[in-house]
C-alpha atoms as a PDB file:
ATOM      1  CA  MET A   1      48.121  -0.154   2.579  1.00  0.00           C
ATOM      2  CA  VAL A   2      50.705   2.093   0.873  1.00  0.00           C
ATOM      3  CA  ASP A   3      49.812   3.561  -2.538  1.00  0.00           C
ATOM      4  CA  LYS A   4      53.254   4.337  -3.992  1.00  0.00           C
ATOM      5  CA  ILE A   5      56.725   4.157  -2.471  1.00  0.00           C
ATOM      6  CA  ASN A   6      60.152   5.641  -3.209  1.00  0.00           C
ATOM      7  CA  ILE A   7      62.888   3.090  -3.705  1.00  0.00           C
ATOM      8  CA  SER A   8      66.666   3.399  -4.017  1.00  0.00           C
ATOM      9  CA  ILE A   9      69.188   1.041  -5.539  1.00  0.00           C
ATOM     10  CA  VAL A  10      72.737   0.995  -4.176  1.00  0.00           C
ATOM     11  CA  GLY A  11      75.427  -0.494  -6.392  1.00  0.00           C
ATOM     12  CA  GLY A  12      73.493   0.512  -9.467  1.00  0.00           C
ATOM     13  CA  ALA A  13      75.920  -0.580 -12.189  1.00  0.00           C
ATOM     14  CA  GLY A  14      75.824  -4.360 -11.695  1.00  0.00           C
ATOM     15  CA  TYR A  15      73.727  -7.077 -13.291  1.00  0.00           C
ATOM     16  CA  THR A  16      71.293  -7.381 -10.362  1.00  0.00           C
ATOM     17  CA  ALA A  17      70.736  -3.623 -10.291  1.00  0.00           C
ATOM     18  CA  GLY A  18      70.036  -3.654 -14.016  1.00  0.00           C
ATOM     19  CA  GLU A  19      67.433  -6.386 -13.519  1.00  0.00           C
ATOM     20  CA  LEU A  20      65.860  -4.453 -10.640  1.00  0.00           C
ATOM     21  CA  LEU A  21      65.558  -1.372 -12.830  1.00  0.00           C
ATOM     22  CA  ARG A  22      64.033  -3.406 -15.670  1.00  0.00           C
ATOM     23  CA  ILE A  23      61.339  -4.618 -13.263  1.00  0.00           C
ATOM     24  CA  LEU A  24      60.819  -1.557 -11.072  1.00  0.00           C
ATOM     25  CA  ILE A  25      60.501   1.194 -13.687  1.00  0.00           C
ATOM     26  CA  HIS A  26      57.297  -0.577 -14.773  1.00  0.00           C
ATOM     27  CA  HIS A  27      56.086  -1.505 -11.261  1.00  0.00           C
ATOM     28  CA  PRO A  28      52.792   0.330 -10.609  1.00  0.00           C
ATOM     29  CA  LYS A  29      53.506   0.957  -6.916  1.00  0.00           C
ATOM     30  CA  VAL A  30      57.091   2.206  -7.177  1.00  0.00           C
ATOM     31  CA  ASN A  31      58.988   5.403  -7.909  1.00  0.00           C
ATOM     32  CA  VAL A  32      62.735   4.918  -8.414  1.00  0.00           C
ATOM     33  CA  SER A  33      64.077   7.927  -6.520  1.00  0.00           C
ATOM     34  CA  SER A  34      67.809   7.148  -6.549  1.00  0.00           C
ATOM     35  CA  VAL A  35      70.311   4.826  -8.229  1.00  0.00           C
ATOM     36  CA  TYR A  36      73.602   5.111  -6.341  1.00  0.00           C
ATOM     37  CA  SER A  37      76.914   4.508  -8.104  1.00  0.00           C
ATOM     38  CA  THR A  38      79.973   6.615  -7.287  1.00  0.00           C
ATOM     39  CA  SER A  39      81.820   5.455 -10.406  1.00  0.00           C
ATOM     40  CA  ASN A  40      78.939   6.452 -12.707  1.00  0.00           C
ATOM     41  CA  ALA A  41      77.531   9.528 -10.944  1.00  0.00           C
ATOM     42  CA  GLY A  42      76.001  11.999 -13.389  1.00  0.00           C
ATOM     43  CA  ASN A  43      75.652   9.459 -16.185  1.00  0.00           C
ATOM     44  CA  PRO A  44      72.284   8.185 -17.394  1.00  0.00           C
ATOM     45  CA  VAL A  45      71.650   4.626 -16.251  1.00  0.00           C
ATOM     46  CA  THR A  46      71.226   3.676 -19.908  1.00  0.00           C
ATOM     47  CA  LYS A  47      74.951   4.268 -20.419  1.00  0.00           C
ATOM     48  CA  VAL A  48      75.525   1.101 -18.348  1.00  0.00           C
ATOM     49  CA  HIS A  49      72.188  -0.705 -18.769  1.00  0.00           C
ATOM     50  CA  ASP A  50      71.728  -0.048 -22.466  1.00  0.00           C
ATOM     51  CA  ASP A  51      68.749  -2.436 -22.698  1.00  0.00           C
ATOM     52  CA  LEU A  52      66.784   0.313 -20.901  1.00  0.00           C
ATOM     53  CA  LEU A  53      67.345   2.879 -23.644  1.00  0.00           C
ATOM     54  CA  GLY A  54      63.986   4.524 -24.303  1.00  0.00           C
ATOM     55  CA  GLU A  55      62.564   3.144 -21.031  1.00  0.00           C
ATOM     56  CA  THR A  56      63.906   5.651 -18.488  1.00  0.00           C
ATOM     57  CA  ASP A  57      65.827   8.909 -18.070  1.00  0.00           C
ATOM     58  CA  ILE A  58      67.120   8.134 -14.543  1.00  0.00           C
ATOM     59  CA  VAL A  59      70.656   9.371 -13.827  1.00  0.00           C
ATOM     60  CA  PHE A  60      73.165   7.722 -11.475  1.00  0.00           C
ATOM     61  CA  SER A  61      73.779   9.600  -8.209  1.00  0.00           C
ATOM     62  CA  ASP A  62      76.690   9.654  -5.754  1.00  0.00           C
ATOM     63  CA  LYS A  63      74.376  10.586  -2.863  1.00  0.00           C
ATOM     64  CA  ILE A  64      72.090   8.224  -0.973  1.00  0.00           C
ATOM     65  CA  ASP A  65      68.408   8.979  -0.502  1.00  0.00           C
ATOM     66  CA  GLU A  66      68.225   8.801   3.300  1.00  0.00           C
ATOM     67  CA  ASN A  67      64.421   8.807   3.345  1.00  0.00           C
ATOM     68  CA  SER A  68      63.697   6.085   0.802  1.00  0.00           C
ATOM     69  CA  ASP A  69      60.931   3.695   1.750  1.00  0.00           C
ATOM     70  CA  VAL A  70      63.006   0.743   0.445  1.00  0.00           C
ATOM     71  CA  VAL A  71      66.709   0.413  -0.314  1.00  0.00           C
ATOM     72  CA  PHE A  72      67.956  -2.497  -2.429  1.00  0.00           C
ATOM     73  CA  LEU A  73      71.622  -3.203  -1.702  1.00  0.00           C
ATOM     74  CA  CYS A  74      73.254  -4.665  -4.841  1.00  0.00           C
ATOM     75  CA  LEU A  75      76.795  -4.682  -3.498  1.00  0.00           C
ATOM     76  CA  GLY A  76      79.441  -7.368  -3.538  1.00  0.00           C
ATOM     77  CA  HIS A  77      79.455  -9.985  -0.823  1.00  0.00           C
ATOM     78  CA  GLY A  78      80.923  -8.584   2.392  1.00  0.00           C
ATOM     79  CA  LYS A  79      80.253  -4.961   1.398  1.00  0.00           C
ATOM     80  CA  SER A  80      76.669  -4.407   2.573  1.00  0.00           C
ATOM     81  CA  ALA A  81      77.537  -4.353   6.270  1.00  0.00           C
ATOM     82  CA  ASP A  82      80.304  -1.807   5.666  1.00  0.00           C
ATOM     83  CA  PHE A  83      77.972   0.340   3.581  1.00  0.00           C
ATOM     84  CA  LEU A  84      75.289   0.386   6.274  1.00  0.00           C
ATOM     85  CA  LYS A  85      77.882   1.291   8.922  1.00  0.00           C
ATOM     86  CA  ASN A  86      78.835   4.386   6.956  1.00  0.00           C
ATOM     87  CA  ASN A  87      75.439   5.382   5.538  1.00  0.00           C
ATOM     88  CA  LYS A  88      72.456   5.843   7.828  1.00  0.00           C
ATOM     89  CA  TYR A  89      68.863   5.576   6.664  1.00  0.00           C
ATOM     90  CA  ALA A  90      65.653   6.677   8.349  1.00  0.00           C
ATOM     91  CA  THR A  91      64.072   4.228  10.789  1.00  0.00           C
ATOM     92  CA  LYS A  92      61.140   3.758   8.394  1.00  0.00           C
ATOM     93  CA  THR A  93      63.448   2.646   5.554  1.00  0.00           C
ATOM     94  CA  LYS A  94      63.283  -1.037   4.747  1.00  0.00           C
ATOM     95  CA  ILE A  95      66.472  -2.743   3.537  1.00  0.00           C
ATOM     96  CA  ILE A  96      66.519  -5.609   1.039  1.00  0.00           C
ATOM     97  CA  ASP A  97      70.070  -6.913   0.777  1.00  0.00           C
ATOM     98  CA  LEU A  98      71.091  -9.056  -2.188  1.00  0.00           C
ATOM     99  CA  SER A  99      74.509 -10.051  -0.797  1.00  0.00           C
ATOM    100  CA  ASN A 100      75.269 -12.896   1.615  1.00  0.00           C
ATOM    101  CA  ASP A 101      76.077 -10.593   4.554  1.00  0.00           C
ATOM    102  CA  PHE A 102      72.911 -11.225   6.601  1.00  0.00           C
ATOM    103  CA  ARG A 103      71.540 -14.578   5.391  1.00  0.00           C
ATOM    104  CA  LEU A 104      72.762 -16.820   8.180  1.00  0.00           C
ATOM    105  CA  ASN A 105      71.285 -16.808  11.678  1.00  0.00           C
ATOM    106  CA  ALA A 106      74.669 -15.859  13.095  1.00  0.00           C
ATOM    107  CA  ASP A 107      74.662 -12.652  11.014  1.00  0.00           C
ATOM    108  CA  HIS A 108      70.991 -11.680  10.813  1.00  0.00           C
ATOM    109  CA  ILE A 109      71.154  -8.938  13.458  1.00  0.00           C
ATOM    110  CA  PHE A 110      73.152  -5.896  12.388  1.00  0.00           C
ATOM    111  CA  GLU A 111      73.230  -2.836  14.651  1.00  0.00           C
ATOM    112  CA  ASP A 112      69.543  -1.895  15.083  1.00  0.00           C
ATOM    113  CA  ARG A 113      68.304  -3.976  12.145  1.00  0.00           C
ATOM    114  CA  THR A 114      67.113  -7.594  12.137  1.00  0.00           C
ATOM    115  CA  PHE A 115      67.139  -9.359   8.788  1.00  0.00           C
ATOM    116  CA  THR A 116      64.594 -12.017   7.763  1.00  0.00           C
ATOM    117  CA  TYR A 117      65.660 -14.683   5.294  1.00  0.00           C
ATOM    118  CA  GLY A 118      63.646 -13.911   2.172  1.00  0.00           C
ATOM    119  CA  LEU A 119      62.640 -17.260   0.683  1.00  0.00           C
ATOM    120  CA  PRO A 120      58.844 -16.817   0.329  1.00  0.00           C
ATOM    121  CA  GLU A 121      58.109 -20.508  -0.177  1.00  0.00           C
ATOM    122  CA  VAL A 122      59.157 -21.180   3.420  1.00  0.00           C
ATOM    123  CA  ASN A 123      59.144 -17.795   5.230  1.00  0.00           C
ATOM    124  CA  ARG A 124      56.231 -15.946   3.616  1.00  0.00           C
ATOM    125  CA  GLU A 125      54.452 -14.937   6.836  1.00  0.00           C
ATOM    126  CA  ASP A 126      57.662 -13.685   8.451  1.00  0.00           C
ATOM    127  CA  ILE A 127      58.506 -11.695   5.316  1.00  0.00           C
ATOM    128  CA  LYS A 128      55.136  -9.928   5.431  1.00  0.00           C
ATOM    129  CA  SER A 129      55.994  -8.353   8.782  1.00  0.00           C
ATOM    130  CA  ALA A 130      59.736  -7.916   8.178  1.00  0.00           C
ATOM    131  CA  LYS A 131      61.548  -4.577   8.141  1.00  0.00           C
ATOM    132  CA  ASN A 132      64.729  -5.934   6.548  1.00  0.00           C
ATOM    133  CA  ILE A 133      65.300  -8.837   4.156  1.00  0.00           C
ATOM    134  CA  ALA A 134      68.332 -10.973   3.403  1.00  0.00           C
ATOM    135  CA  ASN A 135      67.609 -12.087  -0.155  1.00  0.00           C
ATOM    136  CA  PRO A 136      68.653 -15.723  -0.772  1.00  0.00           C
ATOM    137  CA  GLY A 137      71.531 -16.701  -3.012  1.00  0.00           C
ATOM    138  CA  CYS A 138      70.815 -17.923  -6.531  1.00  0.00           C
ATOM    139  CA  PHE A 139      72.132 -21.487  -6.175  1.00  0.00           C
ATOM    140  CA  ALA A 140      70.596 -21.648  -2.695  1.00  0.00           C
ATOM    141  CA  THR A 141      67.182 -20.686  -4.089  1.00  0.00           C
ATOM    142  CA  ALA A 142      67.164 -23.351  -6.799  1.00  0.00           C
ATOM    143  CA  ILE A 143      68.425 -26.060  -4.456  1.00  0.00           C
ATOM    144  CA  GLN A 144      66.202 -25.244  -1.486  1.00  0.00           C
ATOM    145  CA  LEU A 145      63.087 -25.188  -3.652  1.00  0.00           C
ATOM    146  CA  ALA A 146      64.045 -28.705  -4.753  1.00  0.00           C
ATOM    147  CA  LEU A 147      64.223 -29.867  -1.132  1.00  0.00           C
ATOM    148  CA  LEU A 148      61.577 -27.977   0.873  1.00  0.00           C
ATOM    149  CA  PRO A 149      58.711 -30.461   0.311  1.00  0.00           C
ATOM    150  CA  LEU A 150      60.802 -33.450   1.392  1.00  0.00           C
ATOM    151  CA  ALA A 151      62.214 -31.618   4.411  1.00  0.00           C
ATOM    152  CA  GLU A 152      58.750 -30.461   5.505  1.00  0.00           C
ATOM    153  CA  LYS A 153      57.657 -34.120   5.554  1.00  0.00           C
ATOM    154  CA  ASN A 154      60.869 -35.266   7.324  1.00  0.00           C
ATOM    155  CA  GLU A 155      61.674 -37.387   4.291  1.00  0.00           C
ATOM    156  CA  ILE A 156      65.373 -36.569   3.860  1.00  0.00           C
ATOM    157  CA  LYS A 157      66.991 -39.537   5.541  1.00  0.00           C
ATOM    158  CA  ASN A 158      70.200 -39.756   3.521  1.00  0.00           C
ATOM    159  CA  ASP A 159      72.973 -37.554   2.175  1.00  0.00           C
ATOM    160  CA  ILE A 160      72.011 -35.090  -0.567  1.00  0.00           C
ATOM    161  CA  HIS A 161      73.971 -34.851  -3.814  1.00  0.00           C
ATOM    162  CA  ILE A 162      73.724 -31.842  -6.116  1.00  0.00           C
ATOM    163  CA  ASN A 163      75.078 -31.054  -9.563  1.00  0.00           C
ATOM    164  CA  ALA A 164      74.184 -27.526 -10.646  1.00  0.00           C
ATOM    165  CA  VAL A 165      75.320 -25.265 -13.466  1.00  0.00           C
ATOM    166  CA  THR A 166      75.005 -21.487 -13.657  1.00  0.00           C
ATOM    167  CA  GLY A 167      75.394 -18.887 -16.372  1.00  0.00           C
ATOM    168  CA  SER A 168      78.225 -16.387 -16.557  1.00  0.00           C
ATOM    169  CA  THR A 169      76.158 -13.533 -15.086  1.00  0.00           C
ATOM    170  CA  GLY A 170      76.328 -15.381 -11.774  1.00  0.00           C
ATOM    171  CA  ALA A 171      79.942 -14.233 -11.508  1.00  0.00           C
ATOM    172  CA  GLY A 172      79.056 -10.543 -11.825  1.00  0.00           C
ATOM    173  CA  GLN A 173      80.419  -7.952 -14.267  1.00  0.00           C
ATOM    174  CA  SER A 174      84.051  -7.885 -13.138  1.00  0.00           C
ATOM    175  CA  LEU A 175      86.273  -9.888 -15.438  1.00  0.00           C
ATOM    176  CA  SER A 176      88.430 -12.747 -14.217  1.00  0.00           C
ATOM    177  CA  ALA A 177      90.292 -15.602 -15.865  1.00  0.00           C
ATOM    178  CA  SER A 178      87.178 -17.781 -15.832  1.00  0.00           C
ATOM    179  CA  THR A 179      84.678 -15.148 -17.028  1.00  0.00           C
ATOM    180  CA  HIS A 180      86.339 -14.037 -20.275  1.00  0.00           C
ATOM    181  CA  PHE A 181      84.384 -15.143 -23.354  1.00  0.00           C
ATOM    182  CA  SER A 182      87.399 -16.935 -24.813  1.00  0.00           C
ATOM    183  CA  TRP A 183      87.644 -19.135 -21.695  1.00  0.00           C
ATOM    184  CA  ARG A 184      83.948 -19.595 -20.970  1.00  0.00           C
ATOM    185  CA  ASN A 185      82.738 -20.261 -24.517  1.00  0.00           C
ATOM    186  CA  ASN A 186      82.410 -23.971 -25.361  1.00  0.00           C
ATOM    187  CA  ASN A 187      83.633 -24.782 -21.875  1.00  0.00           C
ATOM    188  CA  VAL A 188      82.249 -26.188 -18.599  1.00  0.00           C
ATOM    189  CA  SER A 189      84.078 -26.504 -15.295  1.00  0.00           C
ATOM    190  CA  PHE A 190      83.505 -27.190 -11.613  1.00  0.00           C
ATOM    191  CA  TYR A 191      84.379 -24.583  -8.993  1.00  0.00           C
ATOM    192  CA  LYS A 192      84.210 -24.328  -5.190  1.00  0.00           C
ATOM    193  CA  GLU A 193      83.561 -28.065  -5.041  1.00  0.00           C
ATOM    194  CA  PHE A 194      81.859 -29.006  -1.731  1.00  0.00           C
ATOM    195  CA  SER A 195      82.653 -25.514  -0.364  1.00  0.00           C
ATOM    196  CA  HIS A 196      80.270 -23.066  -2.029  1.00  0.00           C
ATOM    197  CA  GLN A 197      79.162 -20.107   0.126  1.00  0.00           C
ATOM    198  CA  HIS A 198      75.466 -20.951  -0.394  1.00  0.00           C
ATOM    199  CA  GLU A 199      75.742 -24.262   1.459  1.00  0.00           C
ATOM    200  CA  GLY A 200      75.188 -22.534   4.817  1.00  0.00           C
ATOM    201  CA  GLU A 201      71.785 -21.239   3.689  1.00  0.00           C
ATOM    202  CA  ILE A 202      70.774 -24.685   2.494  1.00  0.00           C
ATOM    203  CA  TYR A 203      71.680 -26.388   5.775  1.00  0.00           C
ATOM    204  CA  GLN A 204      69.951 -23.634   7.734  1.00  0.00           C
ATOM    205  CA  THR A 205      66.622 -24.028   5.934  1.00  0.00           C
ATOM    206  CA  LEU A 206      66.745 -27.833   6.037  1.00  0.00           C
ATOM    207  CA  HIS A 207      67.206 -27.677   9.827  1.00  0.00           C
ATOM    208  CA  GLN A 208      64.354 -25.155  10.044  1.00  0.00           C
ATOM    209  CA  LEU A 209      61.932 -27.607   8.428  1.00  0.00           C
ATOM    210  CA  GLU A 210      63.418 -30.972   9.416  1.00  0.00           C
ATOM    211  CA  LYS A 211      64.708 -30.537  12.967  1.00  0.00           C
ATOM    212  CA  ASP A 212      66.530 -33.871  13.040  1.00  0.00           C
ATOM    213  CA  PHE A 213      68.279 -33.470   9.696  1.00  0.00           C
ATOM    214  CA  ASN A 214      71.793 -34.766  10.260  1.00  0.00           C
ATOM    215  CA  ASN A 215      73.054 -35.661   6.798  1.00  0.00           C
ATOM    216  CA  LYS A 216      75.556 -34.097   4.440  1.00  0.00           C
ATOM    217  CA  VAL A 217      74.971 -31.930   1.401  1.00  0.00           C
ATOM    218  CA  TYR A 218      77.476 -32.649  -1.371  1.00  0.00           C
ATOM    219  CA  PHE A 219      77.261 -29.743  -3.807  1.00  0.00           C
ATOM    220  CA  LEU A 220      79.171 -29.547  -7.095  1.00  0.00           C
ATOM    221  CA  PRO A 221      78.648 -26.121  -8.731  1.00  0.00           C
ATOM    222  CA  MET A 222      79.561 -25.658 -12.376  1.00  0.00           C
ATOM    223  CA  ARG A 223      80.234 -22.715 -14.664  1.00  0.00           C
ATOM    224  CA  GLY A 224      78.224 -22.949 -17.862  1.00  0.00           C
ATOM    225  CA  ASP A 225      78.920 -21.422 -21.278  1.00  0.00           C
ATOM    226  CA  PHE A 226      75.667 -19.440 -21.340  1.00  0.00           C
ATOM    227  CA  ALA A 227      74.709 -16.062 -19.870  1.00  0.00           C
ATOM    228  CA  ARG A 228      71.905 -16.646 -17.398  1.00  0.00           C
ATOM    229  CA  GLY A 229      70.019 -19.375 -15.603  1.00  0.00           C
ATOM    230  CA  ILE A 230      70.623 -22.249 -13.186  1.00  0.00           C
ATOM    231  CA  LEU A 231      69.838 -25.929 -13.696  1.00  0.00           C
ATOM    232  CA  ALA A 232      70.240 -28.072 -10.588  1.00  0.00           C
ATOM    233  CA  GLY A 233      69.980 -31.834 -10.323  1.00  0.00           C
ATOM    234  CA  VAL A 234      69.325 -32.744  -6.678  1.00  0.00           C
ATOM    235  CA  TYR A 235      69.226 -36.431  -5.778  1.00  0.00           C
ATOM    236  CA  VAL A 236      68.827 -38.424  -2.584  1.00  0.00           C
ATOM    237  CA  LYS A 237      68.099 -42.032  -1.652  1.00  0.00           C
ATOM    238  CA  SER A 238      64.515 -42.473  -0.502  1.00  0.00           C
ATOM    239  CA  ASP A 239      61.930 -45.115   0.383  1.00  0.00           C
ATOM    240  CA  LEU A 240      59.203 -43.011  -1.215  1.00  0.00           C
ATOM    241  CA  SER A 241      57.725 -44.187  -4.476  1.00  0.00           C
ATOM    242  CA  GLU A 242      57.833 -41.811  -7.424  1.00  0.00           C
ATOM    243  CA  ASP A 243      54.096 -41.202  -7.147  1.00  0.00           C
ATOM    244  CA  GLU A 244      54.378 -40.464  -3.404  1.00  0.00           C
ATOM    245  CA  ALA A 245      57.220 -38.022  -3.996  1.00  0.00           C
ATOM    246  CA  LYS A 246      55.342 -36.240  -6.777  1.00  0.00           C
ATOM    247  CA  GLN A 247      52.285 -35.909  -4.551  1.00  0.00           C
ATOM    248  CA  ILE A 248      54.374 -34.338  -1.781  1.00  0.00           C
ATOM    249  CA  PHE A 249      55.743 -31.758  -4.223  1.00  0.00           C
ATOM    250  CA  ASN A 250      52.371 -31.011  -5.802  1.00  0.00           C
ATOM    251  CA  ASP A 251      50.782 -30.532  -2.384  1.00  0.00           C
ATOM    252  CA  TYR A 252      53.547 -28.260  -1.125  1.00  0.00           C
ATOM    253  CA  TYR A 253      53.551 -25.979  -4.161  1.00  0.00           C
ATOM    254  CA  LYS A 254      49.886 -26.098  -5.168  1.00  0.00           C
ATOM    255  CA  ASP A 255      49.227 -22.471  -4.163  1.00  0.00           C
ATOM    256  CA  GLU A 256      52.630 -20.974  -4.969  1.00  0.00           C
ATOM    257  CA  PRO A 257      52.583 -18.128  -7.514  1.00  0.00           C
ATOM    258  CA  PHE A 258      56.050 -18.736  -8.949  1.00  0.00           C
ATOM    259  CA  THR A 259      57.144 -22.299  -8.139  1.00  0.00           C
ATOM    260  CA  HIS A 260      55.520 -25.016 -10.224  1.00  0.00           C
ATOM    261  CA  VAL A 261      55.918 -28.788 -10.586  1.00  0.00           C
ATOM    262  CA  SER A 262      56.057 -30.107 -14.147  1.00  0.00           C
ATOM    263  CA  ASP A 263      54.837 -33.554 -15.155  1.00  0.00           C
ATOM    264  CA  THR A 264      57.318 -33.591 -18.030  1.00  0.00           C
ATOM    265  CA  PRO A 265      61.098 -33.002 -18.141  1.00  0.00           C
ATOM    266  CA  ILE A 266      62.131 -29.345 -17.993  1.00  0.00           C
ATOM    267  CA  ALA A 267      64.771 -27.194 -19.706  1.00  0.00           C
ATOM    268  CA  LEU A 268      66.388 -23.897 -18.782  1.00  0.00           C
ATOM    269  CA  LYS A 269      64.799 -21.728 -21.478  1.00  0.00           C
ATOM    270  CA  GLN A 270      61.417 -22.222 -19.804  1.00  0.00           C
ATOM    271  CA  VAL A 271      62.408 -19.881 -16.961  1.00  0.00           C
ATOM    272  CA  VAL A 272      65.041 -17.475 -18.307  1.00  0.00           C
ATOM    273  CA  ASN A 273      63.849 -13.867 -17.952  1.00  0.00           C
ATOM    274  CA  THR A 274      61.094 -14.871 -15.485  1.00  0.00           C
ATOM    275  CA  ASN A 275      60.648 -15.128 -11.719  1.00  0.00           C
ATOM    276  CA  LYS A 276      59.606 -18.793 -11.969  1.00  0.00           C
ATOM    277  CA  CYS A 277      61.117 -21.921 -10.532  1.00  0.00           C
ATOM    278  CA  LEU A 278      60.127 -25.112 -12.325  1.00  0.00           C
ATOM    279  CA  LEU A 279      60.639 -28.528 -10.746  1.00  0.00           C
ATOM    280  CA  HIS A 280      60.504 -32.069 -12.104  1.00  0.00           C
ATOM    281  CA  VAL A 281      60.487 -35.184  -9.899  1.00  0.00           C
ATOM    282  CA  GLN A 282      61.443 -38.715 -10.959  1.00  0.00           C
ATOM    283  CA  LYS A 283      62.785 -41.877  -9.360  1.00  0.00           C
ATOM    284  CA  GLN A 284      65.316 -44.441 -10.543  1.00  0.00           C
ATOM    285  CA  ASP A 285      65.906 -47.503  -8.354  1.00  0.00           C
ATOM    286  CA  ASP A 286      66.067 -46.094  -4.793  1.00  0.00           C
ATOM    287  CA  VAL A 287      67.067 -42.544  -5.779  1.00  0.00           C
ATOM    288  CA  ILE A 288      64.754 -39.550  -6.198  1.00  0.00           C
ATOM    289  CA  LEU A 289      65.994 -36.900  -8.627  1.00  0.00           C
ATOM    290  CA  ILE A 290      64.572 -33.388  -8.456  1.00  0.00           C
ATOM    291  CA  THR A 291      65.471 -31.102 -11.334  1.00  0.00           C
ATOM    292  CA  SER A 292      65.160 -27.409 -10.489  1.00  0.00           C
ATOM    293  CA  ILE A 293      65.519 -24.473 -12.896  1.00  0.00           C
ATOM    294  CA  ILE A 294      65.517 -20.724 -12.261  1.00  0.00           C
ATOM    295  CA  ASP A 295      66.911 -17.558 -13.787  1.00  0.00           C
ATOM    296  CA  ASN A 296      69.794 -16.589 -11.491  1.00  0.00           C
ATOM    297  CA  LEU A 297      69.151 -12.863 -12.045  1.00  0.00           C
ATOM    298  CA  THR A 298      65.392 -12.904 -11.389  1.00  0.00           C
ATOM    299  CA  LYS A 299      64.125 -15.681  -9.089  1.00  0.00           C
ATOM    300  CA  GLY A 300      67.737 -16.058  -7.953  1.00  0.00           C
ATOM    301  CA  ALA A 301      68.218 -12.360  -7.200  1.00  0.00           C
ATOM    302  CA  SER A 302      66.301  -9.264  -8.347  1.00  0.00           C
ATOM    303  CA  GLY A 303      62.915 -10.822  -9.089  1.00  0.00           C
ATOM    304  CA  GLN A 304      62.814 -12.513  -5.707  1.00  0.00           C
ATOM    305  CA  ALA A 305      63.844  -9.202  -4.102  1.00  0.00           C
ATOM    306  CA  VAL A 306      60.815  -7.520  -5.690  1.00  0.00           C
ATOM    307  CA  GLU A 307      58.647 -10.474  -4.653  1.00  0.00           C
ATOM    308  CA  ASN A 308      59.803  -9.860  -1.072  1.00  0.00           C
ATOM    309  CA  MET A 309      59.069  -6.149  -1.350  1.00  0.00           C
ATOM    310  CA  ASN A 310      55.537  -6.902  -2.561  1.00  0.00           C
ATOM    311  CA  LEU A 311      54.950  -9.133   0.464  1.00  0.00           C
ATOM    312  CA  MET A 312      56.352  -6.545   2.883  1.00  0.00           C
ATOM    313  CA  PHE A 313      53.864  -3.937   1.651  1.00  0.00           C
ATOM    314  CA  GLY A 314      50.842  -6.216   1.451  1.00  0.00           C
ATOM    315  CA  TRP A 315      50.638  -6.122  -2.341  1.00  0.00           C
ATOM    316  CA  ASP A 316      49.917  -8.938  -4.764  1.00  0.00           C
ATOM    317  CA  GLU A 317      53.064 -11.068  -4.698  1.00  0.00           C
ATOM    318  CA  LYS A 318      53.191 -11.151  -8.517  1.00  0.00           C
ATOM    319  CA  LEU A 319      52.947  -7.369  -8.960  1.00  0.00           C
ATOM    320  CA  GLY A 320      55.456  -6.239 -11.573  1.00  0.00           C
ATOM    321  CA  LEU A 321      56.688  -9.797 -12.071  1.00  0.00           C
ATOM    322  CA  SER A 322      54.538 -11.109 -14.913  1.00  0.00           C
ATOM    323  CA  LEU A 323      57.600 -11.662 -17.051  1.00  0.00           C
ATOM    324  CA  LYS A 324      57.617 -13.755 -20.221  1.00  0.00           C
ATOM    325  CA  THR A 325      60.471 -16.079 -21.030  1.00  0.00           C
ATOM    326  CA  VAL A 326      62.220 -16.069 -24.373  1.00  0.00           C
ATOM    327  CA  ALA A 327      61.634 -19.765 -24.977  1.00  0.00           C
ATOM    328  CA  PHE A 328      63.025 -20.125 -28.504  1.00  0.00           C
END
């Protein structure tokens, strides 16, 4: 058992890095030894993450801490592999990557590092012994948690349809035509219809649990006019009764620390700012609908990354993650 570890954050100016700092500066087992950002080097982190004013005096650095116990990579998709090629860490250093560079089986081995897919609700035992983690995508997390119990029971016998909406923080800090307030406010739109980059993760996990899964996933992602959170409606034709489906979900998640099944309909504010996933199961005619809600920046990114770190070091999975939602 390790008492206290040194952690580094690379790509320290983004939303996910800000969430990591919010969690880790109060984590009892962690010392934040370095926050790497070449564009902000020498500036206090509170100049970018002003919600941390009064919480920390950490300053951005343009040098990596080669001997960190854990490095969180908060870089844009496609940039983590390049960063690791050009920056070498000690063999003991564990990497937790929040991009999509190493999530798929085809990409999970990089140089001398092997990455484990970090969805605790399905890979907990592998995560405990892992040296490197590929943190799941935010949409992928919400959708997979809605499907794991059915897949584990080989009960997905038809195509899966998904409508899911995410907050503007899911697009990162860089401005684009569809992230400006004047466009996003009072507006909703589809994007990457049936071609979202998280679909590969979803198929991969479904095949892991349900070997004979041979159906399609039809995923319609939406941009919402709010800042953070994901609400996903996942529906599939099924012969299960509503009571049978609910029992399968309750059994699967009965011991999970963060994923919970609600008997009543759920709404996004119940999870924003927390590391929870809440699920609700209902049936209409021959279709089962699973509603899944998470915060895209915590359970969908930084919170789940810390959850993975806790598992890797043999700590209580909830350590540092007892976060309260702002429900009203």
